[in-house]
């Protein structure tokens, strides 16, 4: 059974930091590139960051570059998103996604609220 379970979200003040985690199971994690997406209220889902299967290649949305860091631990089947200097407009449900050659899998999402 394929599962992607996000954790680490919650309420944070503007300018604060959070670290999201995504635990994967039920598929060959190291063969999948991983991504973080987010969907703010009333907006479309957007990609935030991507990481290759080995972790050597990362890509970021312009809006988060230099503030967010994506990483993965293939030994533990986990992917992370370190988020610094968070802004209120980054309040959203954050999702992790696994993309393989023929399949992709989504987590259920984790709410991040940036508010004072």
N, C-alpha and C. Protein backbone atom coordinates (compact mmCIF):
# COMPACT_ATOMS: atom_id res chain seq x y z
N UNK A 1 0.85 -1.20 0.00
CA UNK A 1 0.00 0.00 0.00
C UNK A 1 0.88 1.24 0.00
N UNK A 2 0.71 2.06 -1.03
CA UNK A 2 1.50 3.28 -1.15
C UNK A 2 1.00 4.32 -0.16
N UNK A 3 1.94 4.91 0.55
CA UNK A 3 1.58 5.99 1.48
C UNK A 3 2.64 7.08 1.46
N UNK A 4 2.17 8.31 1.48
CA UNK A 4 3.01 9.48 1.69
C UNK A 4 2.33 10.27 2.81
N UNK A 5 3.03 10.43 3.91
CA UNK A 5 2.43 11.07 5.07
C UNK A 5 3.26 12.28 5.46
N UNK A 6 2.65 13.46 5.30
CA UNK A 6 3.34 14.70 5.65
C UNK A 6 3.14 15.02 7.13
N UNK A 7 4.11 15.70 7.70
CA UNK A 7 4.01 16.15 9.08
C UNK A 7 4.87 17.40 9.25
N UNK A 8 4.69 18.08 10.38
CA UNK A 8 5.52 19.23 10.69
C UNK A 8 4.87 20.57 10.44
N UNK A 9 3.66 20.57 9.91
CA UNK A 9 2.97 21.83 9.69
C UNK A 9 2.42 22.39 10.99
N UNK A 10 1.75 23.52 10.85
CA UNK A 10 1.17 24.17 12.02
C UNK A 10 1.17 25.66 11.88
N UNK A 11 1.06 26.33 13.02
CA UNK A 11 1.01 27.79 13.06
C UNK A 11 2.40 28.35 13.34
N UNK A 12 2.79 29.31 12.54
CA UNK A 12 4.09 29.97 12.73
C UNK A 12 3.92 31.45 12.47
N UNK A 13 4.69 32.25 13.17
CA UNK A 13 4.61 33.70 12.97
C UNK A 13 5.37 34.10 11.71
N UNK A 14 4.97 35.21 11.11
CA UNK A 14 5.73 35.71 9.95
C UNK A 14 7.21 35.86 10.30
N UNK A 15 8.04 35.43 9.36
CA UNK A 15 9.48 35.44 9.60
C UNK A 15 10.00 34.20 10.27
N UNK A 16 9.10 33.33 10.70
CA UNK A 16 9.51 32.12 11.39
C UNK A 16 9.87 30.99 10.43
N UNK A 17 10.18 29.84 11.03
CA UNK A 17 10.61 28.67 10.27
C UNK A 17 9.80 27.44 10.64
N UNK A 18 9.69 26.54 9.69
CA UNK A 18 9.10 25.23 9.90
C UNK A 18 9.85 24.23 9.05
N UNK A 19 9.85 22.99 9.50
CA UNK A 19 10.41 21.90 8.72
C UNK A 19 9.34 20.86 8.49
N UNK A 20 8.98 20.68 7.23
CA UNK A 20 8.02 19.65 6.87
C UNK A 20 8.75 18.34 6.57
N UNK A 21 8.10 17.26 6.93
CA UNK A 21 8.62 15.93 6.63
C UNK A 21 7.56 15.16 5.86
N UNK A 22 8.03 14.24 5.05
CA UNK A 22 7.12 13.36 4.30
C UNK A 22 7.71 11.96 4.36
N UNK A 23 6.98 11.05 4.98
CA UNK A 23 7.41 9.66 5.12
C UNK A 23 6.74 8.81 4.05
N UNK A 24 7.55 8.09 3.30
CA UNK A 24 7.04 7.29 2.18
C UNK A 24 7.12 5.80 2.51
N UNK A 25 6.16 5.06 1.99
CA UNK A 25 6.17 3.61 2.14
C UNK A 25 5.37 2.99 1.02
N UNK A 26 5.67 1.71 0.74
CA UNK A 26 4.89 0.98 -0.24
C UNK A 26 5.37 1.09 -1.67
N UNK A 27 6.49 1.75 -1.89
CA UNK A 27 7.06 1.83 -3.24
C UNK A 27 8.56 2.07 -3.13
N UNK A 28 9.25 1.95 -4.25
CA UNK A 28 10.71 2.07 -4.26
C UNK A 28 11.10 3.54 -4.24
N UNK A 29 11.15 4.08 -3.06
CA UNK A 29 11.33 5.52 -2.86
C UNK A 29 12.53 6.08 -3.61
N UNK A 30 13.64 5.38 -3.58
CA UNK A 30 14.87 5.92 -4.18
C UNK A 30 14.80 6.02 -5.70
N UNK A 31 13.79 5.42 -6.30
CA UNK A 31 13.60 5.51 -7.75
C UNK A 31 12.69 6.65 -8.17
N UNK A 32 12.21 7.39 -7.20
CA UNK A 32 11.24 8.45 -7.47
C UNK A 32 11.83 9.82 -7.17
N UNK A 33 11.65 10.75 -8.10
CA UNK A 33 11.93 12.12 -7.74
C UNK A 33 10.80 12.60 -6.83
N UNK A 34 11.12 13.57 -5.99
CA UNK A 34 10.16 14.04 -5.01
C UNK A 34 9.96 15.54 -5.15
N UNK A 35 8.76 15.97 -4.82
CA UNK A 35 8.44 17.39 -4.90
C UNK A 35 7.57 17.79 -3.73
N UNK A 36 7.62 19.06 -3.44
CA UNK A 36 6.67 19.68 -2.53
C UNK A 36 5.82 20.66 -3.33
N UNK A 37 4.53 20.60 -3.10
CA UNK A 37 3.57 21.52 -3.69
C UNK A 37 2.84 22.22 -2.55
N UNK A 38 2.16 23.29 -2.90
CA UNK A 38 1.28 23.93 -1.92
C UNK A 38 0.04 24.48 -2.64
N UNK A 39 -1.01 24.57 -1.87
CA UNK A 39 -2.25 25.14 -2.39
C UNK A 39 -2.83 26.08 -1.35
N UNK A 40 -2.83 27.35 -1.68
CA UNK A 40 -3.39 28.36 -0.79
C UNK A 40 -4.89 28.45 -1.02
N UNK A 41 -5.62 28.96 -0.06
CA UNK A 41 -7.08 29.08 -0.20
C UNK A 41 -7.46 29.86 -1.46
N UNK A 42 -8.30 29.28 -2.27
CA UNK A 42 -8.76 29.95 -3.47
C UNK A 42 -7.79 30.00 -4.62
N UNK A 43 -6.66 29.31 -4.47
CA UNK A 43 -5.64 29.33 -5.52
C UNK A 43 -5.34 27.93 -6.02
N UNK A 44 -4.68 27.87 -7.16
CA UNK A 44 -4.31 26.58 -7.72
C UNK A 44 -3.08 26.01 -6.99
N UNK A 45 -2.96 24.71 -7.04
CA UNK A 45 -1.79 24.07 -6.46
C UNK A 45 -0.55 24.45 -7.29
N UNK A 46 0.53 24.74 -6.59
CA UNK A 46 1.76 25.13 -7.28
C UNK A 46 2.94 24.34 -6.73
N UNK A 47 3.90 24.12 -7.60
CA UNK A 47 5.11 23.42 -7.16
C UNK A 47 6.01 24.38 -6.41
N UNK A 48 6.59 23.91 -5.34
CA UNK A 48 7.46 24.72 -4.50
C UNK A 48 8.92 24.32 -4.69
N UNK A 49 9.18 23.02 -4.65
CA UNK A 49 10.55 22.54 -4.75
C UNK A 49 10.55 21.10 -5.25
N UNK A 50 11.65 20.74 -5.92
CA UNK A 50 11.79 19.40 -6.46
C UNK A 50 13.19 18.90 -6.15
N UNK A 51 13.31 17.57 -6.03
CA UNK A 51 14.61 16.97 -5.77
C UNK A 51 14.71 15.67 -6.56
N UNK A 52 15.86 15.42 -7.13
CA UNK A 52 16.07 14.23 -7.95
C UNK A 52 16.18 12.99 -7.07
N UNK A 53 16.25 11.84 -7.73
CA UNK A 53 16.26 10.58 -6.98
C UNK A 53 17.44 10.48 -6.02
N UNK A 54 18.58 10.99 -6.43
CA UNK A 54 19.77 10.90 -5.58
C UNK A 54 19.93 12.11 -4.67
N UNK A 55 19.15 13.14 -4.93
CA UNK A 55 19.28 14.36 -4.14
C UNK A 55 20.29 15.34 -4.69
N UNK A 56 20.91 14.99 -5.81
CA UNK A 56 21.96 15.86 -6.36
C UNK A 56 21.40 17.09 -7.04
N UNK A 57 20.19 16.98 -7.55
CA UNK A 57 19.60 18.10 -8.29
C UNK A 57 18.36 18.58 -7.58
N UNK A 58 18.31 19.88 -7.34
CA UNK A 58 17.13 20.49 -6.72
C UNK A 58 16.68 21.68 -7.56
N UNK A 59 15.40 21.95 -7.51
CA UNK A 59 14.84 23.11 -8.19
C UNK A 59 13.81 23.76 -7.27
N UNK A 60 13.71 25.08 -7.39
CA UNK A 60 12.82 25.82 -6.52
C UNK A 60 12.00 26.82 -7.31
N UNK A 61 10.80 27.08 -6.83
CA UNK A 61 10.03 28.20 -7.36
C UNK A 61 10.77 29.49 -7.02
N UNK A 62 10.69 30.46 -7.89
CA UNK A 62 11.39 31.72 -7.67
C UNK A 62 11.01 32.35 -6.33
N UNK A 63 9.76 32.17 -5.95
CA UNK A 63 9.25 32.83 -4.75
C UNK A 63 9.85 32.28 -3.45
N UNK A 64 10.44 31.08 -3.52
CA UNK A 64 10.96 30.47 -2.29
C UNK A 64 12.47 30.25 -2.33
N UNK A 65 13.06 30.47 -3.49
CA UNK A 65 14.50 30.23 -3.61
C UNK A 65 15.25 31.06 -2.57
N UNK A 66 16.24 30.48 -1.96
CA UNK A 66 17.09 31.09 -0.93
C UNK A 66 16.43 31.12 0.44
N UNK A 67 15.16 30.69 0.53
CA UNK A 67 14.50 30.60 1.84
C UNK A 67 14.11 29.17 2.19
N UNK A 68 13.79 28.37 1.18
CA UNK A 68 13.36 26.99 1.39
C UNK A 68 14.46 26.05 0.93
N UNK A 69 14.57 24.91 1.60
CA UNK A 69 15.53 23.88 1.20
C UNK A 69 14.85 22.52 1.21
N UNK A 70 14.92 21.84 0.08
CA UNK A 70 14.39 20.48 -0.01
C UNK A 70 15.55 19.51 0.14
N UNK A 71 15.30 18.41 0.83
CA UNK A 71 16.31 17.37 1.00
C UNK A 71 15.62 16.03 1.14
N UNK A 72 16.40 14.97 1.03
CA UNK A 72 15.83 13.63 1.16
C UNK A 72 16.82 12.71 1.83
N UNK A 73 16.27 11.67 2.44
CA UNK A 73 17.07 10.61 3.05
C UNK A 73 16.55 9.29 2.51
N UNK A 74 17.24 8.77 1.53
CA UNK A 74 16.76 7.53 0.88
C UNK A 74 16.85 6.32 1.81
N UNK A 75 17.72 6.37 2.79
CA UNK A 75 17.82 5.26 3.74
C UNK A 75 16.58 5.19 4.63
N UNK A 76 15.95 6.36 4.85
CA UNK A 76 14.78 6.42 5.73
C UNK A 76 13.49 6.64 4.95
N UNK A 77 13.58 6.71 3.62
CA UNK A 77 12.40 6.95 2.78
C UNK A 77 11.66 8.22 3.18
N UNK A 78 12.43 9.29 3.31
CA UNK A 78 11.82 10.54 3.73
C UNK A 78 12.32 11.71 2.88
N UNK A 79 11.47 12.70 2.76
CA UNK A 79 11.82 13.95 2.10
C UNK A 79 11.41 15.08 3.04
N UNK A 80 12.19 16.17 2.98
CA UNK A 80 11.99 17.27 3.91
C UNK A 80 11.90 18.59 3.17
N UNK A 81 11.26 19.55 3.81
CA UNK A 81 11.25 20.90 3.29
C UNK A 81 11.48 21.85 4.47
N UNK A 82 12.67 22.44 4.49
CA UNK A 82 12.98 23.45 5.49
C UNK A 82 12.52 24.80 4.96
N UNK A 83 11.66 25.46 5.71
CA UNK A 83 11.10 26.73 5.27
C UNK A 83 11.48 27.82 6.26
N UNK A 84 12.18 28.82 5.77
CA UNK A 84 12.61 29.95 6.61
C UNK A 84 11.98 31.24 6.12
N UNK A 85 11.96 32.22 6.99
CA UNK A 85 11.44 33.55 6.65
C UNK A 85 10.05 33.45 6.03
N UNK A 86 9.18 32.72 6.66
CA UNK A 86 7.85 32.48 6.11
C UNK A 86 7.01 33.75 6.10
N UNK A 87 6.16 33.84 5.09
CA UNK A 87 5.31 35.00 4.87
C UNK A 87 3.85 34.61 5.02
N UNK A 88 3.00 35.53 5.41
CA UNK A 88 1.58 35.20 5.57
C UNK A 88 0.95 34.63 4.30
N UNK A 89 1.39 35.12 3.16
CA UNK A 89 0.81 34.63 1.90
C UNK A 89 1.23 33.20 1.57
N UNK A 90 2.11 32.65 2.39
CA UNK A 90 2.52 31.26 2.20
C UNK A 90 1.68 30.29 3.03
N UNK A 91 0.66 30.80 3.65
CA UNK A 91 -0.32 29.95 4.29
C UNK A 91 -0.97 29.07 3.23
N UNK A 92 -0.90 27.77 3.44
CA UNK A 92 -1.38 26.84 2.43
C UNK A 92 -1.35 25.42 2.98
N UNK A 93 -1.97 24.53 2.25
CA UNK A 93 -1.78 23.10 2.49
C UNK A 93 -0.59 22.67 1.64
N UNK A 94 0.37 22.06 2.27
CA UNK A 94 1.59 21.61 1.60
C UNK A 94 1.51 20.10 1.38
N UNK A 95 1.84 19.70 0.15
CA UNK A 95 1.75 18.29 -0.24
C UNK A 95 3.11 17.80 -0.72
N UNK A 96 3.42 16.56 -0.44
CA UNK A 96 4.57 15.96 -1.10
C UNK A 96 4.07 15.04 -2.21
N UNK A 97 4.88 14.94 -3.23
CA UNK A 97 4.54 14.12 -4.38
C UNK A 97 5.75 13.30 -4.80
N UNK A 98 5.49 12.05 -5.11
CA UNK A 98 6.53 11.16 -5.64
C UNK A 98 6.24 10.92 -7.11
N UNK A 99 7.24 11.07 -7.95
CA UNK A 99 7.08 10.87 -9.40
C UNK A 99 8.06 9.82 -9.86
N UNK A 100 7.51 8.72 -10.39
CA UNK A 100 8.35 7.67 -10.95
C UNK A 100 8.21 7.63 -12.45
N UNK A 101 8.71 6.57 -13.05
CA UNK A 101 8.68 6.45 -14.51
C UNK A 101 7.25 6.35 -15.01
N UNK A 102 6.42 5.62 -14.29
CA UNK A 102 5.06 5.38 -14.77
C UNK A 102 3.98 5.76 -13.76
N UNK A 103 4.40 6.17 -12.58
CA UNK A 103 3.42 6.45 -11.55
C UNK A 103 3.78 7.72 -10.80
N UNK A 104 2.79 8.31 -10.21
CA UNK A 104 3.03 9.36 -9.24
C UNK A 104 2.07 9.17 -8.06
N UNK A 105 2.54 9.59 -6.89
CA UNK A 105 1.76 9.44 -5.67
C UNK A 105 1.75 10.75 -4.91
N UNK A 106 0.63 11.03 -4.26
CA UNK A 106 0.48 12.26 -3.49
C UNK A 106 0.20 11.95 -2.02
N UNK A 107 0.70 12.82 -1.17
CA UNK A 107 0.32 12.78 0.23
C UNK A 107 -1.01 13.46 0.44
N UNK A 108 -1.48 13.41 1.66
CA UNK A 108 -2.80 13.95 1.97
C UNK A 108 -2.76 15.45 2.25
N UNK A 109 -1.57 15.98 2.44
CA UNK A 109 -1.43 17.41 2.69
C UNK A 109 -1.29 17.73 4.16
N UNK A 110 -0.62 18.85 4.42
CA UNK A 110 -0.38 19.30 5.79
C UNK A 110 -0.50 20.82 5.80
N UNK A 111 -1.31 21.34 6.70
CA UNK A 111 -1.59 22.77 6.71
C UNK A 111 -0.48 23.55 7.41
N UNK A 112 -0.05 24.59 6.74
CA UNK A 112 0.89 25.56 7.31
C UNK A 112 0.19 26.91 7.35
N UNK A 113 0.12 27.48 8.53
CA UNK A 113 -0.52 28.79 8.70
C UNK A 113 0.53 29.77 9.20
N UNK A 114 0.71 30.84 8.44
CA UNK A 114 1.69 31.88 8.81
C UNK A 114 0.89 33.10 9.23
N UNK A 115 0.89 33.35 10.51
CA UNK A 115 0.06 34.43 11.04
C UNK A 115 0.58 34.86 12.41
N UNK A 116 0.38 36.14 12.70
CA UNK A 116 0.74 36.65 14.02
C UNK A 116 -0.46 36.63 14.96
